[in-house]
Amino acid sequence: MHNEKETEQKKDDTNRIIWSHEAEVGPIFVVFAGVHGNETAGINACKQIANSLESMKGDMQGSVYMISGNKTAIEEGVRYIDFDLNRIWNELDSGSDELRESAEWKEALEIREIIKGLIGRYSDDMKEIYFIDLHTTSAKSCAFIPFNDTLENRRIALRFPVPQILGIEESIHGTLLSYINDLGYPAIGFEAGSHTDRLSIERTEAFLWIYLDYVNIVNLGIKELRQLEEKLRPESDIPIKYYEIDHHYMVEDPLTFRMKKGYVNFDSIRKGDFLAYDDHQRINAPVSGFIFMPLYQKKGNDGFFILKGRSPFWLEISSIFRDSFLNNYLHYLPGVEEFQPGAYSVNLTIARFFVKEIFHLLGYRVIRKDENRLICYKRI
């Protein structure tokens, strides 16, 4: 089942635990790097920060665990071997025979055991546990933070001066972040820039230092924090605000997909703009917005996304209504059926107007089941 290398990269022999430090007091800080094997900026950043933290152990007020993701793919310098490790976390208890025989199956099970072990070890002590997943992109990009739209994730992401992508789990399923969020713990991603950009390592280091200070594991000075924040800010005029995915173009065979050259994350596009060829067919933008994560590599099924801006006012309103009494009356709406506590099926031939907006307002994850049906799950 193993695939050919997608790029020629130096092999990186990486232990599962890149670095760790255990403390009697303070929160737990868990970092994943290299979940995609060709995204090594996070691994390099972790190793560099670990060198500094090693001399700070006596002053650290918390525990830190830096964990490598797809070890096999990291060593081969490719995104994945058989399956995308960041798309299979909803299948670990019901995977196909093909998945169970894959390299990524073993990787996921090992990582899951580490996650469960950490939660089991520290949850009885009521310690706060924070999870981070580090990535880079195939296109040139500023840094940004993708996260499942929970109030706790929002609160954490606000600390960083970068664009923020809401509710990415509605379009990309089976991610490590979603798995952790569903366990009830905050987990955000950090996308540092392109795979090969030296700035991606520097931005990742800056992000981790700021986060470590935010949770009081280390204490940095105001001047140092401001310098780190400047490393994260977009170099261009990209607005630092909330975005959400308006369109997701899926690719069946990445070998036959060719994105138009030159797009970078957050480029403005108009409806009808030529974006890509897929199996020799022209793909034009179905809506206006901002291009996001265009596929410039030969592995992966996410061709591109189109973002739209989300008003901070709307987010403030949604935080007020998330646990309101209105949740108790959703099943009375036409076309809405509750099939388990906190989960609804919505028939779009009956419920036609503002369905997604209403459920988002009340704190639900909205996933399109088919052309005429949505499934809505209450976010934890």
Protein backbone atom coordinates (compact mmCIF):
# COMPACT_ATOMS: atom_id res chain seq x y z
CA MET A 1 0.00 0.00 0.00
CA HIS A 2 2.94 2.36 0.38
CA ASN A 3 3.06 5.31 -2.02
CA GLU A 4 6.02 6.99 -3.69
CA LYS A 5 7.65 10.06 -2.16
CA GLU A 6 5.89 13.25 -3.17
CA THR A 7 9.02 15.36 -2.67
CA GLU A 8 12.67 14.68 -2.14
CA GLN A 9 13.30 15.61 1.47
CA LYS A 10 15.93 14.67 3.98
CA LYS A 11 14.80 11.84 6.22
CA ASP A 12 14.19 12.73 9.85
CA ASP A 13 14.51 10.02 12.48
CA THR A 14 12.20 11.26 15.21
CA ASN A 15 11.20 9.67 18.48
CA ARG A 16 7.52 9.66 19.40
CA ILE A 17 8.23 11.88 22.39
CA ILE A 18 10.30 14.77 21.05
CA TRP A 19 10.71 16.27 24.54
CA SER A 20 8.82 16.22 27.82
CA HIS A 21 8.90 17.72 31.28
CA GLU A 22 6.68 16.71 34.18
CA ALA A 23 5.89 19.09 37.02
CA GLU A 24 3.96 18.63 40.24
CA VAL A 25 1.97 21.83 39.72
CA GLY A 26 0.43 23.73 36.84
CA PRO A 27 -1.38 22.88 33.60
CA ILE A 28 -0.50 20.26 30.99
CA PHE A 29 0.70 21.49 27.59
CA VAL A 30 0.59 18.89 24.80
CA VAL A 31 1.98 19.63 21.34
CA PHE A 32 1.67 17.44 18.22
CA ALA A 33 4.06 18.02 15.33
CA GLY A 34 4.45 16.19 12.03
CA VAL A 35 0.96 14.69 11.85
CA HIS A 36 1.65 15.19 8.15
CA GLY A 37 5.12 13.84 7.53
CA ASN A 38 6.24 16.51 5.05
CA GLU A 39 5.40 19.29 7.52
CA THR A 40 8.54 19.37 9.62
CA ALA A 41 8.57 23.02 10.71
CA GLY A 42 6.69 22.09 13.88
CA ILE A 43 9.17 19.34 14.72
CA ASN A 44 12.13 21.66 14.21
CA ALA A 45 10.47 24.36 16.30
CA CYS A 46 9.76 21.90 19.12
CA LYS A 47 13.37 20.73 19.16
CA GLN A 48 14.67 24.28 19.30
CA ILE A 49 12.28 25.31 22.08
CA ALA A 50 13.11 22.13 23.98
CA ASN A 51 16.76 23.20 24.09
CA SER A 52 15.73 26.42 25.82
CA LEU A 53 13.19 24.79 28.12
CA GLU A 54 15.75 22.24 29.27
CA SER A 55 17.59 24.99 31.14
CA MET A 56 14.34 26.44 32.51
CA LYS A 57 12.93 23.29 34.13
CA GLY A 58 13.39 24.58 37.66
CA ASP A 59 11.19 27.61 36.93
CA MET A 60 8.47 25.97 34.84
CA GLN A 61 5.02 25.90 36.42
CA GLY A 62 3.51 23.06 34.42
CA SER A 63 4.14 19.95 32.35
CA VAL A 64 5.03 19.90 28.65
CA TYR A 65 4.80 17.03 26.18
CA MET A 66 5.98 17.42 22.57
CA ILE A 67 4.84 14.48 20.45
CA SER A 68 5.69 13.55 16.88
CA GLY A 69 2.81 12.54 14.62
CA ASN A 70 3.28 10.27 11.61
CA LYS A 71 6.75 8.93 12.36
CA THR A 72 6.88 6.67 9.30
CA ALA A 73 5.90 9.48 6.94
CA ILE A 74 8.31 11.90 8.66
CA GLU A 75 11.17 9.49 8.02
CA GLU A 76 10.13 9.20 4.36
CA GLY A 77 9.52 12.94 3.93
CA VAL A 78 5.97 12.51 2.63
CA ARG A 79 2.53 13.72 3.77
CA TYR A 80 1.39 10.16 4.56
CA ILE A 81 2.12 6.56 3.61
CA ASP A 82 -1.29 4.92 3.09
CA PHE A 83 -3.93 7.22 4.63
CA ASP A 84 -3.94 10.81 5.82
CA LEU A 85 -3.32 10.54 9.57
CA ASN A 86 -5.34 13.70 10.10
CA ARG A 87 -8.49 12.29 8.49
CA ILE A 88 -8.98 8.92 10.22
CA TRP A 89 -9.66 9.76 13.87
CA ASN A 90 -13.39 9.12 13.55
CA GLU A 91 -12.69 5.60 12.22
CA LEU A 92 -10.42 4.16 14.88
CA ASP A 93 -13.17 1.98 16.34
CA SER A 94 -14.73 0.97 13.02
CA GLY A 95 -12.00 1.14 10.39
CA SER A 96 -12.00 -0.93 7.20
CA ASP A 97 -9.61 -3.85 6.78
CA GLU A 98 -7.53 -1.68 4.44
CA LEU A 99 -7.22 1.05 7.06
CA ARG A 100 -6.35 -1.44 9.79
CA GLU A 101 -3.49 -2.75 7.66
CA SER A 102 -2.08 0.71 6.99
CA ALA A 103 0.95 2.43 8.47
CA GLU A 104 -1.26 5.23 9.78
CA TRP A 105 -3.45 2.85 11.76
CA LYS A 106 -0.54 1.90 14.00
CA GLU A 107 0.54 5.54 14.29
CA ALA A 108 -2.95 6.64 15.34
CA LEU A 109 -3.32 3.89 17.93
CA GLU A 110 0.03 4.79 19.51
CA ILE A 111 -0.89 8.47 19.66
CA ARG A 112 -4.33 7.68 21.05
CA GLU A 113 -2.76 5.68 23.85
CA ILE A 114 -0.57 8.65 24.75
CA ILE A 115 -3.58 10.99 24.77
CA LYS A 116 -5.64 8.64 26.93
CA GLY A 117 -2.70 8.08 29.23
CA LEU A 118 -2.19 11.80 29.79
CA ILE A 119 -5.89 12.42 30.36
CA GLY A 120 -6.13 9.47 32.72
CA ARG A 121 -3.06 10.60 34.62
CA TYR A 122 -4.00 14.24 35.10
CA SER A 123 -7.79 14.46 34.95
CA ASP A 124 -8.19 13.13 38.51
CA ASP A 125 -6.06 16.04 39.72
CA MET A 126 -8.42 18.47 37.93
CA LYS A 127 -5.47 19.93 36.02
CA GLU A 128 -6.13 21.89 32.86
CA ILE A 129 -4.89 20.16 29.71
CA TYR A 130 -4.23 22.11 26.49
CA PHE A 131 -3.62 20.45 23.11
CA ILE A 132 -1.99 21.99 20.04
CA ASP A 133 -1.55 20.55 16.52
CA LEU A 134 1.19 22.18 14.40
CA HIS A 135 1.01 22.31 10.60
CA THR A 136 2.21 24.07 7.45
CA THR A 137 0.64 24.45 3.99
CA SER A 138 1.66 23.68 0.41
CA ALA A 139 0.93 27.29 -0.61
CA LYS A 140 2.66 30.46 0.55
CA SER A 141 0.81 31.77 3.58
CA CYS A 142 0.81 33.92 6.65
CA ALA A 143 0.25 32.15 9.95
CA PHE A 144 -3.33 31.35 10.96
CA ILE A 145 -5.23 29.33 13.54
CA PRO A 146 -7.90 26.77 12.58
CA PHE A 147 -10.12 25.48 15.37
CA ASN A 148 -13.40 23.79 16.14
CA ASP A 149 -15.77 26.54 17.24
CA THR A 150 -16.04 25.95 20.97
CA LEU A 151 -16.07 28.90 23.35
CA GLU A 152 -12.90 27.69 25.07
CA ASN A 153 -11.08 27.37 21.74
CA ARG A 154 -12.22 30.88 20.80
CA ARG A 155 -10.92 32.28 24.08
CA ILE A 156 -7.48 30.73 23.56
CA ALA A 157 -7.18 31.61 19.86
CA LEU A 158 -7.95 35.26 20.57
CA ARG A 159 -4.56 35.56 22.28
CA PHE A 160 -2.74 35.36 18.94
CA PRO A 161 -2.57 38.16 16.32
CA VAL A 162 -3.35 35.99 13.29
CA PRO A 163 -6.43 35.22 11.15
CA GLN A 164 -8.71 32.65 12.77
CA ILE A 165 -10.63 29.96 10.88
CA LEU A 166 -13.85 28.84 12.59
CA GLY A 167 -15.52 25.47 12.46
CA ILE A 168 -13.08 23.79 10.12
CA GLU A 169 -14.29 20.40 11.41
CA GLU A 170 -17.51 20.84 9.44
CA SER A 171 -15.56 20.48 6.19
CA ILE A 172 -12.57 18.37 7.20
CA HIS A 173 -13.66 15.24 9.04
CA GLY A 174 -11.70 12.82 11.19
CA THR A 175 -9.08 15.27 12.43
CA LEU A 176 -6.98 14.93 15.56
CA LEU A 177 -8.35 18.25 16.84
CA SER A 178 -11.95 17.05 16.54
CA TYR A 179 -11.10 13.82 18.34
CA ILE A 180 -9.60 15.75 21.27
CA ASN A 181 -12.39 18.33 21.35
CA ASP A 182 -14.95 15.51 21.47
CA LEU A 183 -13.16 14.22 24.57
CA GLY A 184 -13.94 17.58 26.16
CA TYR A 185 -10.56 19.33 26.00
CA PRO A 186 -9.48 22.53 24.23
CA ALA A 187 -7.44 21.91 21.10
CA ILE A 188 -6.42 24.40 18.45
CA GLY A 189 -4.27 24.15 15.36
CA PHE A 190 -1.47 26.42 14.23
CA GLU A 191 -0.60 26.77 10.56
CA ALA A 192 2.74 28.55 10.33
CA GLY A 193 3.12 29.13 6.57
CA SER A 194 4.47 27.11 3.67
CA HIS A 195 6.30 23.81 4.18
CA THR A 196 9.68 25.08 3.05
CA ASP A 197 9.63 28.65 4.40
CA ARG A 198 12.17 29.28 7.16
CA LEU A 199 9.67 31.72 8.68
CA SER A 200 7.35 28.78 9.37
CA ILE A 201 9.77 27.52 12.02
CA GLU A 202 10.21 30.97 13.52
CA ARG A 203 6.45 31.60 13.63
CA THR A 204 5.85 28.23 15.25
CA GLU A 205 8.42 28.96 17.92
CA ALA A 206 6.82 32.36 18.57
CA PHE A 207 3.36 30.78 18.82
CA LEU A 208 4.51 28.15 21.31
CA TRP A 209 6.34 30.66 23.51
CA ILE A 210 3.29 32.94 23.64
CA TYR A 211 1.02 30.00 24.47
CA LEU A 212 3.37 28.75 27.20
CA ASP A 213 3.30 32.25 28.73
CA TYR A 214 -0.49 32.45 28.34
CA VAL A 215 -1.00 29.32 30.47
CA ASN A 216 1.68 30.50 32.94
CA ILE A 217 4.06 27.59 32.41
CA VAL A 218 6.78 30.14 31.65
CA ASN A 219 6.79 33.86 32.36
CA LEU A 220 8.00 36.18 29.61
CA GLY A 221 8.46 39.90 29.77
CA ILE A 222 6.12 42.34 28.02
CA LYS A 223 8.82 43.41 25.57
CA GLU A 224 9.64 39.81 24.64
CA LEU A 225 5.95 38.98 24.14
CA ARG A 226 5.46 41.97 21.86
CA GLN A 227 8.45 40.90 19.76
CA LEU A 228 7.02 37.39 19.46
CA GLU A 229 3.61 38.75 18.49
CA GLU A 230 5.20 40.80 15.71
CA LYS A 231 6.66 37.60 14.26
CA LEU A 232 3.14 36.19 14.00
CA ARG A 233 1.39 39.16 12.43
CA PRO A 234 0.70 38.90 8.68
CA GLU A 235 3.28 40.75 6.65
CA SER A 236 0.68 41.85 4.07
CA ASP A 237 -2.65 43.61 4.56
CA ILE A 238 -4.57 40.43 5.44
CA PRO A 239 -7.15 41.38 8.10
CA ILE A 240 -6.72 39.68 11.46
CA LYS A 241 -10.30 38.53 11.99
CA TYR A 242 -12.59 35.51 12.02
CA TYR A 243 -13.27 33.56 8.83
CA GLU A 244 -15.40 30.53 8.12
CA ILE A 245 -15.48 28.09 5.21
CA ASP A 246 -18.09 28.93 2.58
CA HIS A 247 -17.04 26.35 -0.01
CA HIS A 248 -14.89 23.22 0.01
CA TYR A 249 -13.72 21.67 -3.26
CA MET A 250 -12.93 17.98 -2.85
CA VAL A 251 -10.50 16.21 -5.18
CA GLU A 252 -11.05 12.56 -6.07
CA ASP A 253 -7.59 12.01 -7.56
CA PRO A 254 -4.91 14.59 -6.61
CA LEU A 255 -2.73 13.41 -9.50
CA THR A 256 -5.27 14.82 -11.98
CA PHE A 257 -5.83 18.09 -10.09
CA ARG A 258 -3.84 21.20 -11.00
CA MET A 259 -4.36 24.41 -9.09
CA LYS A 260 -3.79 27.64 -10.98
CA LYS A 261 -0.31 28.88 -10.07
CA GLY A 262 0.24 31.83 -7.81
CA TYR A 263 -2.58 31.67 -5.29
CA VAL A 264 -1.69 32.23 -1.65
CA ASN A 265 -3.91 31.93 1.39
CA PHE A 266 -6.44 34.75 1.81
CA ASP A 267 -6.15 36.00 -1.79
CA SER A 268 -9.42 37.69 -2.69
CA ILE A 269 -11.38 35.99 -5.50
CA ARG A 270 -14.66 36.66 -7.29
CA LYS A 271 -17.40 34.27 -8.31
CA GLY A 272 -16.51 32.82 -11.70
CA ASP A 273 -12.74 33.22 -11.38
CA PHE A 274 -10.75 30.34 -12.88
CA LEU A 275 -9.10 28.43 -10.02
CA ALA A 276 -7.98 24.98 -11.18
CA TYR A 277 -8.18 22.07 -13.59
CA ASP A 278 -9.56 18.77 -12.32
CA ASP A 279 -9.29 15.85 -14.75
CA HIS A 280 -8.91 18.45 -17.55
CA GLN A 281 -12.11 20.26 -16.52
CA ARG A 282 -11.94 23.96 -15.65
CA ILE A 283 -12.99 24.71 -12.07
CA ASN A 284 -14.32 28.22 -11.47
CA ALA A 285 -15.11 29.83 -8.14
CA PRO A 286 -18.78 29.19 -7.24
CA VAL A 287 -18.78 32.10 -4.76
CA SER A 288 -16.72 35.17 -4.01
CA GLY A 289 -14.48 35.22 -0.97
CA PHE A 290 -10.89 34.38 0.00
CA ILE A 291 -8.94 31.42 -1.34
CA PHE A 292 -7.71 29.12 1.41
CA MET A 293 -5.30 26.17 1.44
CA PRO A 294 -5.03 25.66 -2.35
CA LEU A 295 -3.55 22.25 -3.10
CA TYR A 296 -0.06 22.49 -4.59
CA GLN A 297 1.08 18.94 -3.80
CA LYS A 298 0.19 15.52 -5.18
CA LYS A 299 -1.30 14.09 -2.02
CA GLY A 300 -4.50 15.10 -0.28
CA ASN A 301 -8.12 15.45 -1.31
CA ASP A 302 -8.81 19.04 -0.29
CA GLY A 303 -8.43 20.97 -3.55
CA PHE A 304 -9.15 24.37 -2.06
CA PHE A 305 -11.48 26.20 0.27
CA ILE A 306 -13.19 29.56 -0.09
CA LEU A 307 -13.57 31.63 3.07
CA LYS A 308 -15.94 34.40 4.03
CA GLY A 309 -15.48 36.81 6.90
CA ARG A 310 -17.50 36.38 10.07
CA SER A 311 -18.65 39.36 12.12
CA PRO A 312 -17.36 39.58 15.71
CA PHE A 313 -20.85 40.80 16.65
CA TRP A 314 -22.36 37.53 15.40
CA LEU A 315 -19.85 35.56 17.45
CA GLU A 316 -20.66 37.57 20.56
CA ILE A 317 -24.37 36.89 20.06
CA SER A 318 -23.71 33.19 19.52
CA SER A 319 -21.77 32.96 22.79
CA ILE A 320 -24.83 34.35 24.60
CA PHE A 321 -27.31 31.95 23.00
CA ARG A 322 -25.26 28.73 23.13
CA ASP A 323 -26.76 27.47 26.37
CA SER A 324 -30.06 29.34 26.18
CA PHE A 325 -33.54 27.84 26.59
CA LEU A 326 -33.95 27.94 22.78
CA ASN A 327 -32.04 24.66 22.53
CA ASN A 328 -34.99 22.92 24.19
CA TYR A 329 -37.33 23.83 21.33
CA LEU A 330 -35.30 22.98 18.24
CA HIS A 331 -37.16 19.71 17.67
CA TYR A 332 -40.38 21.68 17.17
CA LEU A 333 -39.00 23.40 14.07
CA PRO A 334 -40.31 22.09 10.71
CA GLY A 335 -38.03 19.45 9.24
CA VAL A 336 -35.93 19.11 12.41
CA GLU A 337 -35.74 15.77 14.22
CA GLU A 338 -33.68 14.93 17.31
CA PHE A 339 -32.17 11.46 16.86
CA GLN A 340 -30.06 11.48 20.03
CA PRO A 341 -29.50 13.99 22.84
CA GLY A 342 -27.85 17.06 21.41
CA ALA A 343 -27.98 15.81 17.79
CA TYR A 344 -30.49 16.74 15.11
CA SER A 345 -31.26 15.70 11.56
CA VAL A 346 -32.56 18.52 9.34
CA ASN A 347 -34.55 17.90 6.17
CA LEU A 348 -33.64 20.77 3.83
CA THR A 349 -36.66 20.20 1.61
CA ILE A 350 -38.75 21.36 4.59
CA ALA A 351 -36.40 23.59 6.59
CA ARG A 352 -35.10 25.90 3.86
CA PHE A 353 -34.06 29.20 5.40
CA PHE A 354 -31.11 30.10 7.65
CA VAL A 355 -30.79 26.53 8.97
CA LYS A 356 -27.00 26.58 9.25
CA GLU A 357 -27.02 30.07 10.76
CA ILE A 358 -29.57 29.14 13.45
CA PHE A 359 -27.70 26.02 14.52
CA HIS A 360 -24.37 27.83 14.50
CA LEU A 361 -25.89 30.55 16.65
CA LEU A 362 -26.86 27.95 19.22
CA GLY A 363 -23.45 26.24 19.17
CA TYR A 364 -23.92 23.25 16.85
CA ARG A 365 -21.52 21.63 14.43
CA VAL A 366 -23.32 21.41 11.07
CA ILE A 367 -22.34 18.67 8.62
CA ARG A 368 -24.00 18.05 5.25
CA LYS A 369 -25.09 14.41 5.09
CA ASP A 370 -26.35 14.64 1.52
CA GLU A 371 -28.00 17.15 -0.79
CA ASN A 372 -31.17 17.35 1.30
CA ARG A 373 -30.04 16.63 4.84
CA LEU A 374 -27.87 18.22 7.52
CA ILE A 375 -26.67 16.60 10.73
CA CYS A 376 -26.18 19.01 13.64
CA TYR A 377 -24.23 18.09 16.80
CA LYS A 378 -23.99 20.20 19.93
CA ARG A 379 -20.41 21.28 20.43
CA ILE A 380 -18.91 20.46 23.81
